[in-house]
Amino acid sequence: MTGTPEDEVLHRFESGVSWITLNRPEAMNAVTWDQRERVIGLLAEASADPDVRAVVITATGKGFCAGADLRGAPAAPAERVVGDVARMIRLGAQRLITAVLDCEKPVIAAVNGTAAGIGAHLALACDLVIAAEPARFIEVFVRRGLVPDGGGAYLLPRLVGPQKAKELMFFGDAVPAAEAERLGLVNKVVPVEALEETAREWAERLAQGPTRALALTKQLVNASLDGDRATALAAEATAQELNMTTADANEGVAGFVERRTPKYLGR
């Protein structure tokens, strides 16, 4: 029996943080069509809502996300023609990953267990990744005779370099959390019982920061490996120009001059 999207993707808002929790533990949180659309919608809402200052994506049970579950997807055409698969990937897995990358608030992945396939890419698209000790990251596509999708061949080389990315994608071996941290896939590894509290501490710290400056910083860093130096420096100057129009930038400068801790409001 399947639940509603609201049951299968839990959502709560606390202390400026939007918590998005995949909730199909019996399926290791393999993400369905409806779940994906709900996550995309919640990320869009987070971008648009000035009261949301940070986002956490996590999951219930022993798995973070075991990949894609195609239940609920539109029926495949009786006769597949060239373009059908590319369209499915573009409108599906790629939309999910770009929703994370393009979210205007910092997004933390709190990875409680196995993150495989699109589940691994969902975690790696986040701005910060905290993993519980039992977590594993698996580029499972090669085991199924498939090409990595959901932005994997874009994300992995930027995190670990092309040679290591090829190793992970060519062999599809599970990468334990400690090894993932060593490689730079994960920011921090904690005991499973400390995962939620650590994510909360990081998220609430971000939620107290200059939200628009963080959004612009995220945008600059995400674009930095895709262009040349002149483009990156021009984007940086424009971002700072925009940022200096915000109340938080003015508050930050005033706090420095007045030798006090600034109080940021996310405006």
Protein backbone atom coordinates (compact mmCIF):
# COMPACT_ATOMS: atom_id res chain seq x y z
CA MET A 1 0.00 0.00 0.00
CA THR A 2 1.33 3.42 -0.89
CA GLY A 3 0.65 6.58 1.08
CA THR A 4 0.02 10.13 0.00
CA PRO A 5 2.93 12.38 -1.04
CA GLU A 6 2.45 14.19 2.30
CA ASP A 7 2.92 10.88 4.15
CA GLU A 8 5.87 9.81 2.04
CA VAL A 9 7.68 13.16 2.22
CA LEU A 10 7.32 14.63 5.68
CA HIS A 11 7.76 18.36 6.13
CA ARG A 12 8.17 20.61 9.12
CA PHE A 13 9.42 24.13 9.72
CA GLU A 14 11.43 24.90 12.84
CA SER A 15 13.66 27.83 13.82
CA GLY A 16 13.96 29.07 10.24
CA VAL A 17 14.77 25.59 8.89
CA SER A 18 12.67 23.62 6.39
CA TRP A 19 13.03 19.89 7.16
CA ILE A 20 12.27 17.59 4.21
CA THR A 21 12.19 13.90 5.17
CA LEU A 22 11.79 11.00 2.75
CA ASN A 23 9.47 8.53 4.47
CA ARG A 24 9.29 5.18 2.71
CA PRO A 25 11.62 3.20 4.99
CA GLU A 26 10.21 -0.13 3.81
CA ALA A 27 11.58 0.69 0.32
CA MET A 28 14.87 2.19 1.59
CA ASN A 29 13.32 5.50 0.49
CA ALA A 30 13.59 4.78 -3.21
CA VAL A 31 12.01 7.96 -4.53
CA THR A 32 8.75 7.79 -6.46
CA TRP A 33 7.43 10.22 -9.07
CA ASP A 34 5.08 11.84 -6.52
CA GLN A 35 7.79 12.12 -3.87
CA ARG A 36 10.12 13.77 -6.33
CA GLU A 37 7.50 16.34 -7.30
CA ARG A 38 6.81 17.12 -3.64
CA VAL A 39 10.52 17.59 -2.85
CA ILE A 40 10.92 19.87 -5.87
CA GLY A 41 7.90 21.88 -4.73
CA LEU A 42 9.17 22.21 -1.16
CA LEU A 43 12.57 23.42 -2.39
CA ALA A 44 10.87 26.02 -4.59
CA GLU A 45 8.80 27.15 -1.61
CA ALA A 46 11.97 27.42 0.48
CA SER A 47 13.55 29.68 -2.14
CA ALA A 48 10.53 31.97 -2.23
CA ASP A 49 9.81 32.18 1.50
CA PRO A 50 12.00 34.74 3.31
CA ASP A 51 11.25 33.04 6.62
CA VAL A 52 13.02 29.88 5.44
CA ARG A 53 16.72 30.38 6.06
CA ALA A 54 18.07 26.84 5.51
CA VAL A 55 16.90 23.39 4.36
CA VAL A 56 17.69 19.88 5.59
CA ILE A 57 16.99 16.81 3.46
CA THR A 58 17.01 13.52 5.36
CA ALA A 59 15.11 10.22 5.57
CA THR A 60 13.57 7.72 7.95
CA GLY A 61 14.72 4.15 8.53
CA LYS A 62 18.02 2.62 7.47
CA GLY A 63 18.25 4.03 3.95
CA PHE A 64 18.65 7.61 2.78
CA CYS A 65 17.50 6.91 -0.78
CA ALA A 66 18.02 3.67 -2.71
CA GLY A 67 17.49 5.34 -6.09
CA ALA A 68 14.46 5.88 -8.27
CA ASP A 69 11.16 4.05 -7.92
CA LEU A 70 9.17 4.50 -11.12
CA ARG A 71 5.78 3.78 -9.54
CA GLY A 72 3.35 6.59 -10.23
CA ALA A 73 5.21 7.77 -13.33
CA PRO A 74 3.27 8.31 -16.56
CA ALA A 75 2.92 5.09 -18.51
CA ALA A 76 5.64 4.45 -21.05
CA PRO A 77 4.52 4.71 -24.67
CA ALA A 78 3.72 1.42 -26.36
CA GLU A 79 6.51 2.09 -28.83
CA ARG A 80 9.56 3.95 -27.59
CA VAL A 81 11.05 6.45 -30.01
CA VAL A 82 14.29 8.40 -29.87
CA GLY A 83 13.89 11.22 -27.38
CA ASP A 84 11.55 9.45 -24.94
CA VAL A 85 14.25 8.41 -22.46
CA ALA A 86 16.12 11.71 -22.66
CA ARG A 87 12.87 13.55 -21.97
CA MET A 88 12.12 11.31 -18.98
CA ILE A 89 15.57 11.96 -17.51
CA ARG A 90 15.38 15.69 -18.20
CA LEU A 91 11.95 16.08 -16.60
CA GLY A 92 12.65 13.62 -13.79
CA ALA A 93 16.01 12.98 -12.15
CA GLN A 94 17.65 16.10 -13.55
CA ARG A 95 14.84 18.35 -12.27
CA LEU A 96 15.26 16.93 -8.79
CA ILE A 97 19.01 17.54 -8.71
CA THR A 98 18.80 21.01 -10.21
CA ALA A 99 16.09 21.92 -7.68
CA VAL A 100 18.68 21.30 -4.95
CA LEU A 101 21.49 23.08 -6.79
CA ASP A 102 19.29 26.08 -7.61
CA CYS A 103 17.59 26.40 -4.21
CA GLU A 104 18.31 29.90 -2.93
CA LYS A 105 18.84 28.66 0.62
CA PRO A 106 21.72 26.47 1.85
CA VAL A 107 20.72 22.81 1.75
CA ILE A 108 22.16 20.20 4.12
CA ALA A 109 21.92 16.46 3.44
CA ALA A 110 21.66 14.40 6.63
CA VAL A 111 22.43 10.97 5.22
CA ASN A 112 21.20 8.28 7.60
CA GLY A 113 21.97 5.20 5.51
CA THR A 114 22.55 3.93 1.99
CA ALA A 115 22.46 6.57 -0.75
CA ALA A 116 22.49 4.80 -4.12
CA GLY A 117 22.08 6.01 -7.69
CA ILE A 118 19.92 9.12 -7.82
CA GLY A 119 19.88 8.94 -4.00
CA ALA A 120 23.65 9.46 -3.93
CA HIS A 121 23.32 12.37 -6.35
CA LEU A 122 20.54 13.90 -4.25
CA ALA A 123 22.93 13.98 -1.29
CA LEU A 124 25.94 15.18 -3.28
CA ALA A 125 23.97 18.04 -4.85
CA CYS A 126 23.43 19.50 -1.37
CA ASP A 127 25.69 22.27 -0.15
CA LEU A 128 26.82 20.38 2.95
CA VAL A 129 26.67 16.64 3.64
CA ILE A 130 26.57 15.09 7.11
CA ALA A 131 26.61 11.29 7.12
CA ALA A 132 25.85 8.79 9.85
CA GLU A 133 28.53 6.16 10.33
CA PRO A 134 26.46 3.37 8.67
CA ALA A 135 25.87 5.48 5.51
CA ARG A 136 27.19 4.28 2.16
CA PHE A 137 27.30 5.96 -1.25
CA ILE A 138 26.92 3.75 -4.32
CA GLU A 139 27.11 4.66 -8.01
CA VAL A 140 24.83 1.74 -8.75
CA PHE A 141 24.15 2.48 -12.43
CA VAL A 142 26.93 0.30 -13.84
CA ARG A 143 25.48 -2.69 -11.98
CA ARG A 144 22.33 -2.26 -14.06
CA GLY A 145 24.16 -1.63 -17.33
CA LEU A 146 23.16 2.04 -17.25
CA VAL A 147 24.83 5.39 -17.72
CA PRO A 148 24.81 7.55 -14.56
CA ASP A 149 22.01 10.11 -14.68
CA GLY A 150 20.66 12.77 -12.36
CA GLY A 151 23.77 14.89 -12.82
CA GLY A 152 26.22 12.28 -11.54
CA ALA A 153 28.86 12.78 -14.20
CA TYR A 154 28.61 16.53 -13.52
CA LEU A 155 28.74 16.37 -9.72
CA LEU A 156 31.30 13.67 -8.98
CA PRO A 157 34.31 15.00 -10.97
CA ARG A 158 33.83 18.38 -9.28
CA LEU A 159 34.00 16.74 -5.87
CA VAL A 160 36.69 14.08 -6.29
CA GLY A 161 38.33 14.72 -9.70
CA PRO A 162 37.78 12.84 -12.95
CA GLN A 163 39.96 9.79 -12.23
CA LYS A 164 38.31 8.95 -8.92
CA ALA A 165 34.87 9.73 -10.36
CA LYS A 166 35.50 7.20 -13.12
CA GLU A 167 36.61 4.60 -10.59
CA LEU A 168 33.43 5.04 -8.56
CA MET A 169 31.21 4.98 -11.66
CA PHE A 170 33.04 2.18 -13.53
CA PHE A 171 33.01 -0.28 -10.60
CA GLY A 172 29.92 0.76 -8.64
CA ASP A 173 31.49 -0.20 -5.32
CA ALA A 174 29.92 1.00 -2.07
CA VAL A 175 31.84 3.85 -0.44
CA PRO A 176 31.53 3.79 3.36
CA ALA A 177 30.91 7.09 5.15
CA ALA A 178 34.46 7.38 6.52
CA GLU A 179 35.95 6.88 3.05
CA ALA A 180 33.43 9.32 1.57
CA GLU A 181 34.62 11.93 4.08
CA ARG A 182 38.25 11.27 3.16
CA LEU A 183 37.43 11.70 -0.54
CA GLY A 184 35.58 14.97 0.02
CA LEU A 185 32.08 13.64 -0.72
CA VAL A 186 31.03 14.25 2.88
CA ASN A 187 31.74 17.15 5.23
CA LYS A 188 31.30 15.28 8.52
CA VAL A 189 30.61 11.76 9.78
CA VAL A 190 28.81 11.27 13.09
CA PRO A 191 27.28 8.39 15.04
CA VAL A 192 23.78 7.62 13.81
CA GLU A 193 22.20 8.83 17.03
CA ALA A 194 23.91 12.23 16.61
CA LEU A 195 22.87 12.79 12.98
CA GLU A 196 19.68 14.81 13.51
CA GLU A 197 21.15 16.96 16.26
CA THR A 198 24.27 17.74 14.21
CA ALA A 199 22.15 18.64 11.19
CA ARG A 200 19.98 20.84 13.41
CA GLU A 201 23.01 22.63 14.84
CA TRP A 202 24.44 23.33 11.39
CA ALA A 203 21.09 24.32 9.88
CA GLU A 204 20.16 26.67 12.72
CA ARG A 205 23.61 28.24 12.53
CA LEU A 206 23.05 28.86 8.81
CA ALA A 207 19.54 30.14 9.59
CA GLN A 208 21.09 32.86 11.74
CA GLY A 209 23.38 33.97 8.92
CA PRO A 210 23.03 36.56 6.14
CA THR A 211 20.69 34.51 3.94
CA ARG A 212 21.00 36.52 0.74
CA ALA A 213 24.80 36.58 1.00
CA LEU A 214 24.76 32.81 1.44
CA ALA A 215 22.51 32.44 -1.62
CA LEU A 216 24.85 34.52 -3.74
CA THR A 217 27.89 32.66 -2.39
CA LYS A 218 26.26 29.33 -3.27
CA GLN A 219 25.56 30.61 -6.78
CA LEU A 220 29.16 31.77 -7.26
CA VAL A 221 30.70 28.53 -6.03
CA ASN A 222 28.36 26.32 -8.07
CA ALA A 223 29.19 28.29 -11.23
CA SER A 224 32.91 28.62 -10.54
CA LEU A 225 34.03 25.41 -12.26
CA ASP A 226 31.94 25.98 -15.36
CA GLY A 227 33.44 29.23 -16.64
CA ASP A 228 36.68 31.13 -17.09
CA ARG A 229 38.36 33.45 -14.61
CA ALA A 230 37.03 36.66 -16.15
CA THR A 231 33.46 35.37 -16.00
CA ALA A 232 33.89 34.24 -12.38
CA LEU A 233 35.33 37.58 -11.28
CA ALA A 234 32.61 39.53 -13.09
CA ALA A 235 29.97 37.38 -11.40
CA GLU A 236 31.63 37.92 -8.03
CA ALA A 237 31.61 41.70 -8.44
CA THR A 238 27.96 41.68 -9.50
CA ALA A 239 27.03 39.44 -6.58
CA GLN A 240 28.70 41.79 -4.11
CA GLU A 241 26.98 44.77 -5.73
CA LEU A 242 23.61 43.07 -5.25
CA ASN A 243 24.47 41.91 -1.76
CA MET A 244 25.36 45.41 -0.59
CA THR A 245 21.75 46.45 -1.16
CA THR A 246 20.53 44.01 1.53
CA ALA A 247 19.70 44.88 5.12
CA ASP A 248 21.93 42.07 6.36
CA ALA A 249 24.99 43.47 4.59
CA ASN A 250 24.38 46.86 6.18
CA GLU A 251 23.89 45.18 9.56
CA GLY A 252 27.10 43.17 9.14
CA VAL A 253 29.16 46.26 8.38
CA ALA A 254 27.51 48.17 11.25
CA GLY A 255 28.25 45.30 13.63
CA PHE A 256 31.91 45.37 12.63
CA VAL A 257 32.22 49.13 13.04
CA GLU A 258 30.37 49.09 16.37
CA ARG A 259 32.28 46.02 17.60
CA ARG A 260 29.18 43.93 18.26
CA THR A 261 27.75 40.66 16.93
CA PRO A 262 25.46 41.41 13.98
CA LYS A 263 21.88 40.19 14.04
CA TYR A 264 20.90 38.93 10.60
CA LEU A 265 17.26 38.74 9.55
CA GLY A 266 17.60 37.12 6.14
CA ARG A 267 16.61 40.29 4.30
